[in-house]
Protein backbone atom coordinates (compact mmCIF):
# COMPACT_ATOMS: atom_id res chain seq x y z
CA TYR A 1 0.00 0.03 -0.07
CA CYS A 2 1.44 3.27 -1.06
CA LEU A 3 -0.25 6.53 -0.08
CA LYS A 4 0.79 9.59 -2.10
CA VAL A 5 0.23 12.76 -0.25
CA ASN A 6 0.49 16.39 -1.47
CA TYR A 7 2.51 18.01 1.20
CA LYS A 8 1.62 21.53 -0.08
CA ASN A 9 -1.99 21.11 1.09
CA ASN A 10 -1.18 20.32 4.71
CA HIS A 11 2.40 21.53 5.29
CA ARG A 12 2.18 21.28 9.10
CA PHE A 13 1.40 17.54 9.01
CA PHE A 14 3.58 16.58 5.97
CA SER A 15 6.77 18.53 5.94
CA TYR A 16 9.23 18.99 3.12
CA PRO A 17 12.14 18.15 3.27
CA ILE A 18 11.17 14.89 4.84
CA ARG A 19 12.01 14.63 8.53
CA GLY A 20 15.16 12.62 9.21
CA SER A 21 16.56 13.30 5.75
CA GLU A 22 20.01 14.92 5.39
CA LYS A 23 18.62 18.20 4.06
CA TRP A 24 16.14 18.32 6.98
CA GLU A 25 19.07 17.76 9.44
CA LYS A 26 21.02 20.66 8.00
CA ILE A 27 18.05 23.01 8.29
CA TYR A 28 17.27 21.88 11.84
CA ASP A 29 20.87 22.42 12.85
CA LYS A 30 20.68 25.99 11.72
CA ARG A 31 17.46 26.44 13.75
CA THR A 32 18.97 25.17 16.88
CA SER A 33 21.96 27.51 16.60
CA ILE A 34 19.58 30.43 16.09
CA GLU A 35 17.55 29.36 19.09
CA ARG A 36 20.76 29.25 21.21
CA CYS A 37 21.64 32.83 20.00
CA ASN A 38 18.12 34.10 20.90
CA SER A 39 18.41 32.40 24.34
CA ARG A 40 21.72 34.21 25.02
CA LEU A 41 20.29 37.52 23.94
CA LYS A 42 17.36 37.10 26.32
CA ASP A 43 19.24 35.63 29.30
CA TYR A 44 22.46 37.56 29.37
CA LEU A 45 21.70 40.75 27.52
CA ASN A 46 18.12 41.35 28.77
CA THR A 47 16.49 41.61 25.28
CA ASP A 48 13.19 40.27 26.48
CA ASN A 49 12.72 43.05 29.09
CA LEU A 50 12.87 46.41 27.17
CA ARG A 51 11.80 49.49 28.88
CA SER A 52 11.56 51.81 25.95
CA SER A 53 8.55 52.53 23.79
CA GLY A 54 8.48 52.23 19.97
CA ILE A 55 9.65 49.75 17.42
CA ALA A 56 12.65 51.88 16.34
CA LYS A 57 14.06 52.01 19.87
CA ALA A 58 13.52 48.39 20.37
CA LYS A 59 15.13 47.48 17.11
CA SER A 60 18.27 49.60 17.94
CA TRP A 61 18.46 48.03 21.41
CA ALA A 62 18.27 44.57 19.85
CA LEU A 63 20.88 45.32 17.23
CA LEU A 64 23.23 46.82 19.89
CA ASN A 65 22.78 43.61 21.87
CA CYS A 66 23.63 41.50 18.82
CA ILE A 67 26.78 43.61 18.21
CA THR A 68 27.72 43.00 21.97
CA LEU A 69 27.16 39.34 21.63
CA ILE A 70 29.24 39.05 18.42
CA ALA A 71 32.02 41.19 19.99
CA GLY A 72 32.08 39.04 23.19
CA THR A 73 32.35 35.82 21.06
CA ILE A 74 35.19 37.31 18.98
CA ALA A 75 37.03 38.29 22.22
CA VAL A 76 36.66 34.86 23.80
CA ASN A 77 37.76 33.04 20.63
CA THR A 78 40.78 35.40 20.18
CA ALA A 79 41.76 34.88 23.80
CA LYS A 80 41.54 31.11 23.35
CA SER A 81 43.66 31.17 20.11
CA ILE A 82 46.34 33.34 21.77
CA SER A 83 46.52 31.09 24.82
CA THR A 84 46.86 27.88 22.70
CA ALA A 85 49.47 29.33 20.46
CA ALA A 86 51.70 30.43 23.43
């Protein structure tokens, strides 16, 4: 018995690419890294608790937090590479 399903009709129940496939694994890995980044922004940089009003202020605050997160990551990785080279 073979059931052919049009995944475009019900994309929440039948997903493309197929779960467990190599392409799906690559997409899912990207999603988990983005979720980790969002979690760090919320936990360590207090992005989820903004005290300013307006989308423009919130966007600039979030972008500054992203820059801070990237700068911290670069600093840590540079310090690690210097300590392992010495």
